N, C-alpha and C. Protein backbone atom coordinates (compact mmCIF):
# COMPACT_ATOMS: atom_id res chain seq x y z
N MET A 1 -0.43 25.05 -6.78
CA MET A 1 0.61 24.46 -5.04
C MET A 1 0.37 24.89 -4.02
N ILE A 2 -0.07 23.61 -3.62
CA ILE A 2 -0.32 24.20 -2.02
C ILE A 2 0.78 24.85 -1.29
N ARG A 3 0.64 25.56 -0.25
CA ARG A 3 1.61 26.67 -0.16
C ARG A 3 2.51 25.75 0.64
N ASP A 4 2.01 24.63 1.56
CA ASP A 4 2.46 23.96 2.08
C ASP A 4 3.36 22.84 1.28
N LEU A 5 2.91 22.72 0.38
CA LEU A 5 3.83 21.29 -0.69
C LEU A 5 5.64 21.88 -0.86
N ASP A 6 6.75 21.57 -1.15
CA ASP A 6 7.95 22.47 -0.97
C ASP A 6 8.19 21.89 -2.77
N ARG A 7 7.55 20.64 -3.11
CA ARG A 7 7.42 20.36 -4.82
C ARG A 7 7.22 19.19 -4.54
N THR A 8 6.83 18.92 -6.33
CA THR A 8 6.31 17.49 -6.22
C THR A 8 7.65 17.25 -7.10
N LEU A 9 7.29 15.23 -6.51
CA LEU A 9 8.00 14.49 -6.33
C LEU A 9 7.62 13.42 -7.39
N ILE A 10 6.51 13.38 -7.56
CA ILE A 10 6.07 12.19 -8.99
C ILE A 10 4.25 13.07 -9.16
N ASP A 11 4.58 13.31 -10.47
CA ASP A 11 3.12 13.73 -11.21
C ASP A 11 2.78 12.67 -11.06
N ARG A 12 0.98 12.89 -11.42
CA ARG A 12 -0.36 12.69 -11.46
C ARG A 12 0.15 11.36 -13.04
N ASP A 13 0.13 12.14 -14.08
CA ASP A 13 0.89 11.00 -15.63
C ASP A 13 1.61 10.18 -14.93
N ALA A 14 2.82 10.46 -14.17
CA ALA A 14 3.89 9.39 -13.93
C ALA A 14 3.21 8.06 -12.69
N ILE A 15 2.12 8.85 -12.23
CA ILE A 15 1.55 7.97 -11.08
C ILE A 15 0.46 6.63 -11.64
N ALA A 16 -0.13 7.74 -12.95
CA ALA A 16 -1.56 6.27 -13.78
C ALA A 16 -0.87 5.45 -14.62
N SER A 17 0.50 5.96 -14.63
CA SER A 17 1.35 5.02 -15.65
C SER A 17 1.51 3.50 -15.57
N ARG A 18 1.87 4.70 -14.37
CA ARG A 18 2.82 2.94 -13.05
C ARG A 18 2.37 2.36 -12.10
N VAL A 19 0.76 2.64 -11.99
CA VAL A 19 -0.71 1.95 -10.81
C VAL A 19 -1.02 1.05 -12.12
N ARG A 20 -1.39 1.17 -13.47
CA ARG A 20 -2.00 0.62 -14.83
C ARG A 20 -0.59 -0.37 -14.83
N GLU A 21 0.85 -0.28 -15.05
CA GLU A 21 1.60 -1.44 -14.60
C GLU A 21 1.56 -2.25 -14.06
N LEU A 22 1.52 -1.91 -13.14
CA LEU A 22 1.61 -2.30 -11.50
C LEU A 22 0.10 -3.39 -11.79
N GLY A 23 -1.08 -2.73 -11.87
CA GLY A 23 -2.33 -3.77 -12.03
C GLY A 23 -2.34 -4.86 -13.14
N ARG A 24 -1.89 -4.74 -13.79
CA ARG A 24 -1.76 -5.68 -15.56
C ARG A 24 -0.37 -7.04 -14.93
N ARG A 25 0.50 -6.44 -14.09
CA ARG A 25 1.49 -7.35 -13.82
C ARG A 25 0.95 -7.78 -12.53
N ILE A 26 0.38 -8.02 -11.83
CA ILE A 26 0.24 -8.30 -10.66
C ILE A 26 -1.19 -9.21 -11.38
N ALA A 27 -1.78 -8.83 -11.81
CA ALA A 27 -3.21 -9.77 -12.45
C ALA A 27 -2.19 -10.77 -13.27
N GLY A 28 -1.82 -10.71 -14.01
CA GLY A 28 -1.42 -12.18 -14.81
C GLY A 28 -0.16 -12.70 -13.59
N ASP A 29 0.78 -12.34 -13.14
CA ASP A 29 0.96 -13.29 -11.75
C ASP A 29 -0.19 -13.60 -10.82
N LEU A 30 -1.65 -13.57 -10.54
CA LEU A 30 -2.38 -13.81 -9.73
C LEU A 30 -2.84 -14.90 -10.78
N GLU A 31 -3.15 -14.22 -12.20
CA GLU A 31 -3.71 -15.75 -13.16
C GLU A 31 -3.15 -16.99 -12.94
N ARG A 32 -1.22 -16.61 -13.77
CA ARG A 32 -0.44 -17.82 -13.50
C ARG A 32 -0.76 -18.61 -12.08
N SER A 33 -0.65 -17.87 -11.07
CA SER A 33 -0.82 -18.78 -9.95
C SER A 33 -1.90 -19.75 -9.99
N LEU A 34 -2.97 -19.34 -10.03
CA LEU A 34 -3.83 -20.33 -9.88
C LEU A 34 -4.51 -20.83 -10.71
N ALA A 35 -4.04 -20.35 -12.06
CA ALA A 35 -3.55 -21.82 -13.32
C ALA A 35 -2.82 -22.90 -12.83
N ALA A 36 -2.06 -22.29 -12.18
CA ALA A 36 -0.84 -23.66 -11.96
C ALA A 36 -1.46 -24.69 -10.22
N GLU A 37 -1.64 -23.97 -9.88
CA GLU A 37 -3.27 -25.11 -9.01
C GLU A 37 -4.87 -25.34 -9.81
N GLY A 38 -4.92 -24.87 -11.50
CA GLY A 38 -5.83 -25.62 -11.83
C GLY A 38 -7.11 -25.09 -12.00
N ALA A 39 -7.13 -23.86 -11.15
CA ALA A 39 -8.42 -22.94 -10.69
C ALA A 39 -8.60 -21.82 -11.76
N SER A 40 -9.76 -21.62 -11.89
CA SER A 40 -10.21 -20.43 -13.15
C SER A 40 -9.63 -19.04 -12.67
N PRO A 41 -9.23 -17.99 -13.11
CA PRO A 41 -9.56 -16.89 -12.48
C PRO A 41 -10.74 -16.37 -11.87
N ASP A 42 -12.02 -16.81 -12.56
CA ASP A 42 -12.90 -16.07 -12.58
C ASP A 42 -14.11 -17.19 -11.26
N GLU A 43 -12.53 -18.25 -10.54
CA GLU A 43 -13.50 -19.12 -9.55
C GLU A 43 -13.51 -18.07 -8.38
N ALA A 44 -14.93 -18.55 -7.57
CA ALA A 44 -15.55 -16.94 -6.53
C ALA A 44 -14.12 -17.11 -5.59
N GLY A 45 -14.77 -16.13 -4.90
CA GLY A 45 -13.54 -16.25 -3.65
C GLY A 45 -11.31 -16.20 -3.14
N ARG A 46 -10.57 -16.73 -4.39
CA ARG A 46 -10.08 -17.21 -4.83
C ARG A 46 -8.78 -16.12 -3.88
N ILE A 47 -9.10 -14.56 -4.64
CA ILE A 47 -8.07 -13.66 -4.54
C ILE A 47 -8.92 -12.22 -3.38
N ALA A 48 -7.81 -12.64 -2.49
CA ALA A 48 -8.43 -10.82 -1.49
C ALA A 48 -7.12 -10.21 -1.91
N ILE A 49 -7.69 -8.40 -1.66
CA ILE A 49 -6.79 -7.59 -1.50
C ILE A 49 -7.55 -7.26 -0.22
N ILE A 50 -6.22 -6.54 0.69
CA ILE A 50 -6.17 -6.26 1.72
C ILE A 50 -5.55 -5.02 2.05
N SER A 51 -6.21 -3.64 1.81
CA SER A 51 -5.80 -2.37 1.60
C SER A 51 -5.77 -1.64 2.85
N VAL A 52 -4.83 -1.30 3.43
CA VAL A 52 -4.36 -1.36 4.64
C VAL A 52 -4.85 0.44 4.51
N MET A 53 -5.60 0.83 5.68
CA MET A 53 -6.08 2.24 5.34
C MET A 53 -5.21 3.13 6.25
N THR A 54 -5.10 4.51 6.17
CA THR A 54 -6.06 5.50 5.00
C THR A 54 -5.36 5.59 4.05
N GLY A 55 -4.37 4.95 4.06
CA GLY A 55 -2.70 5.79 2.84
C GLY A 55 -2.81 5.18 1.97
N ALA A 56 -3.35 3.75 1.59
CA ALA A 56 -3.21 2.91 0.68
C ALA A 56 -4.96 3.60 -0.60
N LEU A 57 -5.80 4.16 0.60
CA LEU A 57 -7.18 4.57 -0.26
C LEU A 57 -7.69 4.85 -1.79
N ILE A 58 -6.59 5.30 -2.20
CA ILE A 58 -6.75 6.47 -3.70
C ILE A 58 -5.76 5.14 -4.31
N PHE A 59 -4.92 5.11 -3.63
CA PHE A 59 -4.10 4.08 -4.33
C PHE A 59 -4.68 2.12 -4.89
N THR A 60 -5.50 1.37 -4.25
CA THR A 60 -5.98 0.62 -4.31
C THR A 60 -7.22 0.35 -4.70
N ALA A 61 -8.22 1.49 -4.64
CA ALA A 61 -8.51 1.87 -5.94
C ALA A 61 -8.65 1.79 -7.63
N ASP A 62 -7.50 2.98 -7.48
CA ASP A 62 -7.11 2.98 -8.90
C ASP A 62 -6.19 1.28 -9.44
N LEU A 63 -5.72 0.58 -8.24
CA LEU A 63 -5.25 0.25 -8.47
C LEU A 63 -5.70 -1.43 -9.10
N VAL A 64 -7.12 -2.09 -8.10
CA VAL A 64 -7.94 -3.11 -8.06
C VAL A 64 -8.49 -2.19 -9.36
N ARG A 65 -9.21 -1.35 -10.11
CA ARG A 65 -9.59 -0.97 -11.66
C ARG A 65 -8.77 -1.84 -12.62
N GLU A 66 -6.98 -1.70 -13.04
CA GLU A 66 -6.68 -2.68 -13.62
C GLU A 66 -6.23 -4.01 -13.41
N MET A 67 -7.28 -4.51 -12.44
CA MET A 67 -6.78 -5.97 -12.84
C MET A 67 -8.15 -6.59 -12.91
N PRO A 68 -8.23 -6.79 -14.22
CA PRO A 68 -9.97 -7.65 -14.42
C PRO A 68 -9.84 -8.89 -13.72
N LEU A 69 -9.88 -8.91 -12.40
CA LEU A 69 -9.79 -10.12 -11.54
C LEU A 69 -11.56 -10.58 -10.52
N LYS A 70 -11.84 -11.95 -10.73
CA LYS A 70 -12.47 -11.62 -9.63
C LYS A 70 -11.92 -11.21 -8.14
N LEU A 71 -12.36 -10.93 -7.16
CA LEU A 71 -11.68 -10.66 -6.12
C LEU A 71 -12.15 -9.83 -4.82
N SER A 72 -12.29 -10.02 -3.60
CA SER A 72 -12.92 -9.25 -2.69
C SER A 72 -12.04 -8.43 -2.36
N LEU A 73 -12.11 -6.87 -1.58
CA LEU A 73 -11.73 -5.93 -1.40
C LEU A 73 -12.17 -6.24 0.35
N GLU A 74 -10.91 -6.05 0.98
CA GLU A 74 -10.96 -6.16 2.75
C GLU A 74 -9.65 -4.69 3.08
N LEU A 75 -10.65 -4.29 3.97
CA LEU A 75 -10.01 -3.26 4.21
C LEU A 75 -9.78 -3.48 5.98
N VAL A 76 -8.17 -2.88 5.82
CA VAL A 76 -7.29 -3.10 7.67
C VAL A 76 -6.82 -1.86 7.75
N THR A 77 -6.89 -1.38 9.56
CA THR A 77 -6.68 -0.30 10.21
C THR A 77 -5.35 -0.23 10.61
N VAL A 78 -4.30 0.27 10.04
CA VAL A 78 -3.05 0.19 10.62
C VAL A 78 -2.35 1.60 11.30
N SER A 79 -2.45 2.08 12.54
CA SER A 79 -1.53 3.50 12.97
C SER A 79 -0.11 3.20 12.68
N SER A 80 0.48 4.12 12.04
CA SER A 80 2.14 4.31 12.88
C SER A 80 2.49 5.56 13.15
N TYR A 81 1.76 6.77 12.12
CA TYR A 81 2.38 7.82 12.38
C TYR A 81 0.91 8.92 12.73
N PRO A 82 1.15 8.60 14.10
CA PRO A 82 -0.31 9.34 15.08
C PRO A 82 -0.52 10.33 14.74
N GLY A 83 -1.75 11.39 14.40
CA GLY A 83 -1.87 12.57 14.42
C GLY A 83 -0.55 13.89 13.65
N ALA A 84 0.07 14.85 14.34
CA ALA A 84 1.37 15.50 13.81
C ALA A 84 2.20 15.39 13.41
N SER A 85 2.62 13.88 12.97
CA SER A 85 4.40 13.25 13.32
C SER A 85 4.55 12.96 12.51
N THR A 86 5.99 13.20 11.75
CA THR A 86 6.47 12.74 10.66
C THR A 86 7.29 11.76 10.76
N MET A 87 7.35 10.55 11.96
CA MET A 87 8.16 9.80 12.15
C MET A 87 7.10 8.77 13.26
N SER A 88 7.89 7.36 12.58
CA SER A 88 6.56 6.10 12.59
C SER A 88 7.53 5.62 14.19
N LYS A 89 5.70 5.63 14.94
CA LYS A 89 5.60 5.20 16.09
C LYS A 89 5.70 3.98 16.89
N GLY A 90 5.77 2.84 15.43
CA GLY A 90 5.67 1.69 15.79
C GLY A 90 4.29 1.51 15.05
N ALA A 91 3.91 0.14 14.91
CA ALA A 91 2.70 0.06 14.34
C ALA A 91 1.66 -0.86 14.82
N ALA A 92 0.77 -0.27 15.05
CA ALA A 92 -0.93 -1.05 16.38
C ALA A 92 -1.49 -0.68 14.88
N MET A 93 -2.53 -1.95 14.78
CA MET A 93 -3.98 -2.99 14.79
C MET A 93 -4.83 -1.61 15.11
N ARG A 94 -5.47 -1.58 14.56
CA ARG A 94 -6.69 0.07 15.03
C ARG A 94 -8.37 -0.90 14.30
N SER A 95 -8.09 -2.32 13.79
CA SER A 95 -9.48 -2.71 13.10
C SER A 95 -8.86 -4.41 13.13
N VAL A 96 -10.30 -4.87 12.64
CA VAL A 96 -10.32 -6.58 12.67
C VAL A 96 -9.49 -7.28 11.29
N LEU A 97 -8.72 -7.80 11.35
CA LEU A 97 -8.04 -8.77 10.05
C LEU A 97 -9.06 -9.49 9.93
N PRO A 98 -9.57 -9.94 8.41
CA PRO A 98 -10.67 -10.51 8.03
C PRO A 98 -10.38 -11.52 8.70
N LYS A 99 -11.38 -12.73 8.68
CA LYS A 99 -10.93 -14.08 8.92
C LYS A 99 -11.08 -15.38 7.98
N ASP A 100 -11.64 -14.84 6.78
CA ASP A 100 -11.47 -15.87 5.93
C ASP A 100 -10.24 -15.85 4.90
N LEU A 101 -8.97 -16.11 5.32
CA LEU A 101 -8.35 -15.50 4.17
C LEU A 101 -7.32 -17.38 3.58
N LYS A 102 -7.62 -18.93 4.32
CA LYS A 102 -6.94 -19.44 4.26
C LYS A 102 -7.42 -20.15 3.01
N GLY A 103 -6.15 -20.55 2.15
CA GLY A 103 -6.59 -20.67 0.78
C GLY A 103 -6.99 -20.23 -0.07
N LYS A 104 -6.33 -18.60 -0.07
CA LYS A 104 -6.63 -17.38 -0.24
C LYS A 104 -5.54 -16.72 -1.21
N HIS A 105 -5.15 -16.26 -2.25
CA HIS A 105 -4.22 -15.47 -2.79
C HIS A 105 -4.41 -14.44 -2.58
N VAL A 106 -3.36 -14.00 -0.86
CA VAL A 106 -3.92 -12.18 -0.73
C VAL A 106 -2.74 -11.58 -0.71
N LEU A 107 -3.46 -10.35 -1.71
CA LEU A 107 -2.50 -9.67 -1.86
C LEU A 107 -2.40 -7.90 -1.14
N ILE A 108 -1.62 -7.94 0.25
CA ILE A 108 -1.66 -6.82 1.18
C ILE A 108 -1.38 -5.20 -0.51
N VAL A 109 -1.97 -4.32 0.29
CA VAL A 109 -1.70 -3.18 -0.94
C VAL A 109 -1.26 -2.26 0.63
N ASP A 110 -0.46 -1.26 0.20
CA ASP A 110 0.25 0.13 1.30
C ASP A 110 0.79 1.25 0.41
N ASP A 111 0.05 2.27 1.31
CA ASP A 111 0.94 3.73 0.76
C ASP A 111 2.28 3.36 0.29
N ILE A 112 3.08 3.07 1.30
CA ILE A 112 4.65 3.20 1.57
C ILE A 112 5.00 2.50 2.50
N LEU A 113 6.35 2.01 1.95
CA LEU A 113 7.29 1.38 3.01
C LEU A 113 8.46 2.14 3.27
N ASP A 114 8.45 2.26 4.94
CA ASP A 114 9.66 3.09 4.88
C ASP A 114 10.26 2.58 6.40
N SER A 115 9.48 2.35 7.38
CA SER A 115 10.15 1.58 8.84
C SER A 115 10.37 -0.31 8.46
N GLY A 116 8.85 -0.93 7.73
CA GLY A 116 8.36 -1.68 6.77
C GLY A 116 7.69 -2.67 8.64
N GLN A 117 8.18 -2.04 9.60
CA GLN A 117 6.92 -2.46 10.67
C GLN A 117 5.57 -2.25 10.59
N THR A 118 4.30 -1.96 10.02
CA THR A 118 3.17 -1.83 9.22
C THR A 118 2.68 -3.31 8.59
N LEU A 119 4.04 -2.75 7.60
CA LEU A 119 3.47 -4.28 6.93
C LEU A 119 4.50 -5.44 7.22
N ASP A 120 5.27 -5.50 8.20
CA ASP A 120 5.46 -6.81 8.41
C ASP A 120 4.49 -7.53 9.53
N LEU A 121 3.98 -6.41 10.48
CA LEU A 121 2.47 -6.86 11.41
C LEU A 121 1.56 -7.63 10.68
N VAL A 122 0.84 -6.91 9.13
CA VAL A 122 -0.64 -7.21 8.83
C VAL A 122 0.23 -9.18 7.84
N LYS A 123 1.39 -8.67 7.23
CA LYS A 123 1.70 -10.26 6.90
C LYS A 123 1.36 -11.51 7.35
N ARG A 124 2.12 -11.22 8.81
CA ARG A 124 2.25 -12.05 9.80
C ARG A 124 1.08 -12.44 10.57
N LEU A 125 -0.06 -11.21 10.40
CA LEU A 125 -1.57 -12.10 11.24
C LEU A 125 -2.00 -12.89 9.66
N VAL A 126 -2.19 -12.14 8.46
CA VAL A 126 -2.39 -12.48 6.98
C VAL A 126 -1.68 -13.92 7.22
N ALA A 127 -0.12 -14.35 7.34
CA ALA A 127 0.29 -15.63 7.56
C ALA A 127 -0.50 -17.06 8.13
N GLU A 128 -0.82 -16.39 9.63
CA GLU A 128 -1.90 -17.25 10.73
C GLU A 128 -2.90 -18.19 10.17
N GLN A 129 -3.64 -17.29 8.90
CA GLN A 129 -4.49 -17.83 8.46
C GLN A 129 -4.16 -18.77 7.68
N ALA A 130 -2.80 -19.80 7.13
CA ALA A 130 -2.46 -19.98 5.57
C ALA A 130 -2.84 -20.13 4.58
N PRO A 131 -2.86 -18.58 3.87
CA PRO A 131 -3.56 -18.86 2.61
C PRO A 131 -2.56 -19.11 1.95
N ALA A 132 -2.60 -19.23 0.47
CA ALA A 132 -2.20 -19.91 -0.72
C ALA A 132 -0.88 -19.16 -1.03
N SER A 133 -1.24 -18.07 -1.21
CA SER A 133 -0.23 -17.06 -1.03
C SER A 133 -0.11 -16.06 -0.79
N VAL A 134 0.74 -15.00 -0.26
CA VAL A 134 0.47 -13.96 0.48
C VAL A 134 1.56 -12.71 -0.69
N ARG A 135 1.73 -12.19 -1.39
CA ARG A 135 2.19 -10.59 -1.42
C ARG A 135 2.02 -9.59 -1.27
N ILE A 136 3.14 -7.90 -1.35
CA ILE A 136 3.06 -6.99 -1.07
C ILE A 136 3.03 -6.55 -2.03
N CYS A 137 2.54 -5.24 -2.19
CA CYS A 137 2.04 -3.88 -3.28
C CYS A 137 2.72 -2.50 -2.56
N VAL A 138 2.97 -1.69 -2.86
CA VAL A 138 3.09 -0.70 -2.24
C VAL A 138 3.12 0.32 -3.51
N LEU A 139 2.73 1.61 -3.06
CA LEU A 139 3.05 3.12 -4.21
C LEU A 139 4.47 3.04 -4.24
N LEU A 140 4.68 3.44 -3.13
CA LEU A 140 6.10 4.46 -2.82
C LEU A 140 7.32 3.07 -2.19
N ARG A 141 8.37 2.89 -2.22
CA ARG A 141 9.33 2.80 -1.35
C ARG A 141 10.18 3.68 -0.68
N LYS A 142 10.64 3.94 0.23
CA LYS A 142 11.84 4.62 1.16
C LYS A 142 12.99 3.93 1.24
N LEU A 143 14.30 4.71 0.29
CA LEU A 143 15.68 4.40 0.36
C LEU A 143 15.82 4.46 1.51
N VAL A 144 16.11 3.17 2.75
CA VAL A 144 16.17 3.75 3.99
C VAL A 144 16.26 2.47 5.02
N PRO A 145 17.27 2.44 5.84
CA PRO A 145 17.32 1.20 6.50
C PRO A 145 15.85 1.18 7.40
N ARG A 146 15.53 -0.49 7.20
CA ARG A 146 14.24 -0.60 7.89
C ARG A 146 14.57 -0.88 9.41
N VAL A 147 13.63 -0.46 10.15
CA VAL A 147 13.29 -1.13 11.12
C VAL A 147 12.96 -2.43 11.54
N VAL A 148 12.36 -3.06 10.32
CA VAL A 148 12.19 -4.53 9.74
C VAL A 148 12.06 -4.97 9.12
N GLU A 149 13.33 -5.94 8.81
CA GLU A 149 13.27 -6.15 6.79
C GLU A 149 11.85 -7.19 6.56
N ILE A 150 11.03 -6.09 5.18
CA ILE A 150 10.55 -6.70 4.64
C ILE A 150 10.34 -6.65 3.63
N ALA A 151 9.96 -7.18 2.58
CA ALA A 151 10.64 -7.31 0.49
C ALA A 151 8.95 -6.67 0.38
N ALA A 152 8.60 -6.01 -0.71
CA ALA A 152 7.42 -6.07 -1.98
C ALA A 152 7.65 -6.58 -2.69
N ASP A 153 6.56 -7.06 -3.05
CA ASP A 153 6.91 -7.95 -4.73
C ASP A 153 6.39 -7.21 -4.76
N TYR A 154 5.95 -5.77 -5.32
CA TYR A 154 5.20 -4.59 -6.16
C TYR A 154 5.79 -3.72 -5.79
N VAL A 155 6.58 -2.54 -6.96
CA VAL A 155 6.57 -1.45 -6.10
C VAL A 155 6.81 -0.20 -7.07
N GLY A 156 5.48 0.48 -6.52
CA GLY A 156 5.35 1.74 -7.79
C GLY A 156 6.97 2.86 -7.70
N PHE A 157 7.75 3.30 -7.03
CA PHE A 157 8.05 3.99 -6.91
C PHE A 157 9.26 3.87 -6.09
N ASP A 158 10.42 3.98 -5.67
CA ASP A 158 12.04 5.07 -4.86
C ASP A 158 11.69 5.80 -4.81
N ILE A 159 11.68 6.24 -3.92
CA ILE A 159 12.41 7.37 -3.32
C ILE A 159 13.15 7.83 -2.38
N PRO A 160 13.42 9.12 -2.48
CA PRO A 160 14.35 9.65 -1.06
C PRO A 160 13.99 9.49 -0.12
N ASN A 161 14.73 10.20 1.59
CA ASN A 161 14.18 9.82 2.44
C ASN A 161 13.41 11.39 2.95
N GLU A 162 12.18 11.46 2.37
CA GLU A 162 11.38 12.44 2.42
C GLU A 162 10.01 12.66 3.07
N PHE A 163 9.64 13.32 3.97
CA PHE A 163 8.28 12.91 4.41
C PHE A 163 7.81 13.40 2.86
N VAL A 164 5.94 13.03 2.49
CA VAL A 164 5.75 13.13 1.31
C VAL A 164 4.35 13.05 1.18
N VAL A 165 3.47 13.47 0.29
CA VAL A 165 1.67 13.55 0.66
C VAL A 165 1.55 13.77 -0.10
N GLY A 166 0.25 13.33 -0.35
CA GLY A 166 -0.85 13.32 -1.56
C GLY A 166 -1.00 11.89 -2.19
N TYR A 167 -1.66 11.75 -3.08
CA TYR A 167 -2.22 10.67 -3.52
C TYR A 167 -2.87 9.72 -2.58
N GLY A 168 -3.32 10.15 -1.74
CA GLY A 168 -3.68 9.08 -0.24
C GLY A 168 -2.29 9.51 0.97
N LEU A 169 -1.11 9.36 1.03
CA LEU A 169 -0.41 10.04 1.66
C LEU A 169 -0.93 11.99 2.77
N ASP A 170 -0.47 11.10 3.81
CA ASP A 170 -1.28 12.40 4.50
C ASP A 170 -0.20 12.93 5.82
N TYR A 171 -0.73 13.66 6.17
CA TYR A 171 0.42 14.98 8.00
C TYR A 171 -1.09 15.43 8.23
N ASP A 172 -0.84 14.22 9.22
CA ASP A 172 -2.15 15.50 10.41
C ASP A 172 -3.75 15.25 9.69
N ASN A 173 -3.40 13.71 8.82
CA ASN A 173 -5.31 14.31 7.43
C ASN A 173 -5.87 14.96 7.34
N TYR A 174 -4.46 15.23 6.49
CA TYR A 174 -4.34 16.65 5.38
C TYR A 174 -3.83 16.13 4.00
N TYR A 175 -3.63 17.14 3.06
CA TYR A 175 -3.18 16.08 1.66
C TYR A 175 -3.60 15.37 1.08
N ARG A 176 -4.22 14.08 1.88
CA ARG A 176 -4.81 12.78 0.90
C ARG A 176 -5.14 13.33 -0.07
N ASN A 177 -6.22 14.32 -0.74
CA ASN A 177 -6.63 14.37 -2.15
C ASN A 177 -6.19 15.14 -2.58
N HIS A 178 -4.60 15.53 -2.55
CA HIS A 178 -3.55 16.25 -3.47
C HIS A 178 -3.00 14.78 -4.42
N PRO A 179 -3.45 15.74 -5.73
CA PRO A 179 -3.13 14.10 -7.15
C PRO A 179 -1.79 13.70 -7.18
N GLU A 180 -0.59 14.39 -6.83
CA GLU A 180 0.78 14.50 -7.17
C GLU A 180 1.35 14.17 -5.50
N ILE A 181 2.49 13.42 -5.65
CA ILE A 181 3.25 12.80 -4.81
C ILE A 181 4.38 13.83 -4.22
N ALA A 182 3.90 14.87 -3.27
CA ALA A 182 4.44 15.97 -3.30
C ALA A 182 5.65 15.54 -1.31
N VAL A 183 6.88 16.44 -1.45
CA VAL A 183 7.69 16.47 -0.47
C VAL A 183 6.61 17.47 0.49
N LEU A 184 5.99 17.90 1.80
CA LEU A 184 5.56 18.46 2.53
C LEU A 184 6.77 18.97 3.04
N ARG A 185 6.54 20.30 3.17
CA ARG A 185 7.42 21.61 3.93
C ARG A 185 7.96 22.06 5.61
N ALA A 186 9.15 21.23 6.34
CA ALA A 186 9.51 21.07 7.14
C ALA A 186 8.11 21.73 7.96
N PRO A 187 7.24 20.84 9.39
CA PRO A 187 6.54 21.86 10.15
C PRO A 187 6.84 23.22 10.62
N ALA A 188 6.42 23.64 10.99
CA ALA A 188 6.60 24.94 11.49
C ALA A 188 6.81 24.70 13.09
N GLY A 189 8.07 25.03 13.85
CA GLY A 189 8.22 24.46 15.03
C GLY A 189 9.93 24.06 14.53
N GLY A 190 10.14 22.84 13.45
CA GLY A 190 10.86 22.11 13.17
C GLY A 190 10.31 20.87 13.37
N GLY A 191 9.27 20.49 13.42
CA GLY A 191 9.06 19.35 12.81
C GLY A 191 10.18 18.54 12.55
N ALA A 192 9.94 17.12 12.56
CA ALA A 192 11.23 15.65 12.36
C ALA A 192 10.87 15.54 10.84
């Protein structure tokens, strides 16, 4: 284990198992939504996955491989933890949202739901384009009061209020490659 990591919160086997479950459940829900509209799951352009970068990169890659559907994958960048910060500084778009979401079933994928600001921002911007549906999937949901109340439709794991890294989550852009979800030791100097 990397010395900066205090302990493993969720191991790689648990992550892999849960991602498989989520992928199957989401694919089934999307297929039912399309069937209710009389559309085929193979109909081009009806399902759009929007992955919030960079934290959701690894999660999204594993998740979409468990969804045997014809879908498009879009990336958006939202900043909320700049640099060596363990406290959210508010959400700000750093890239352009796709402009062709009207009538599509959109799944927003993010690494973690804590303050709610990032997902609220992205969902509001997506909703302005009149998609057929908007769902949210997060790998982790912190059990904390939210700055903005927003619910995730799909949750991998509920976790306590600890700063975690690994499996795409970072601290100062490090630890994303760690294959498990781990608790970061308090930064030197008594960080937040």
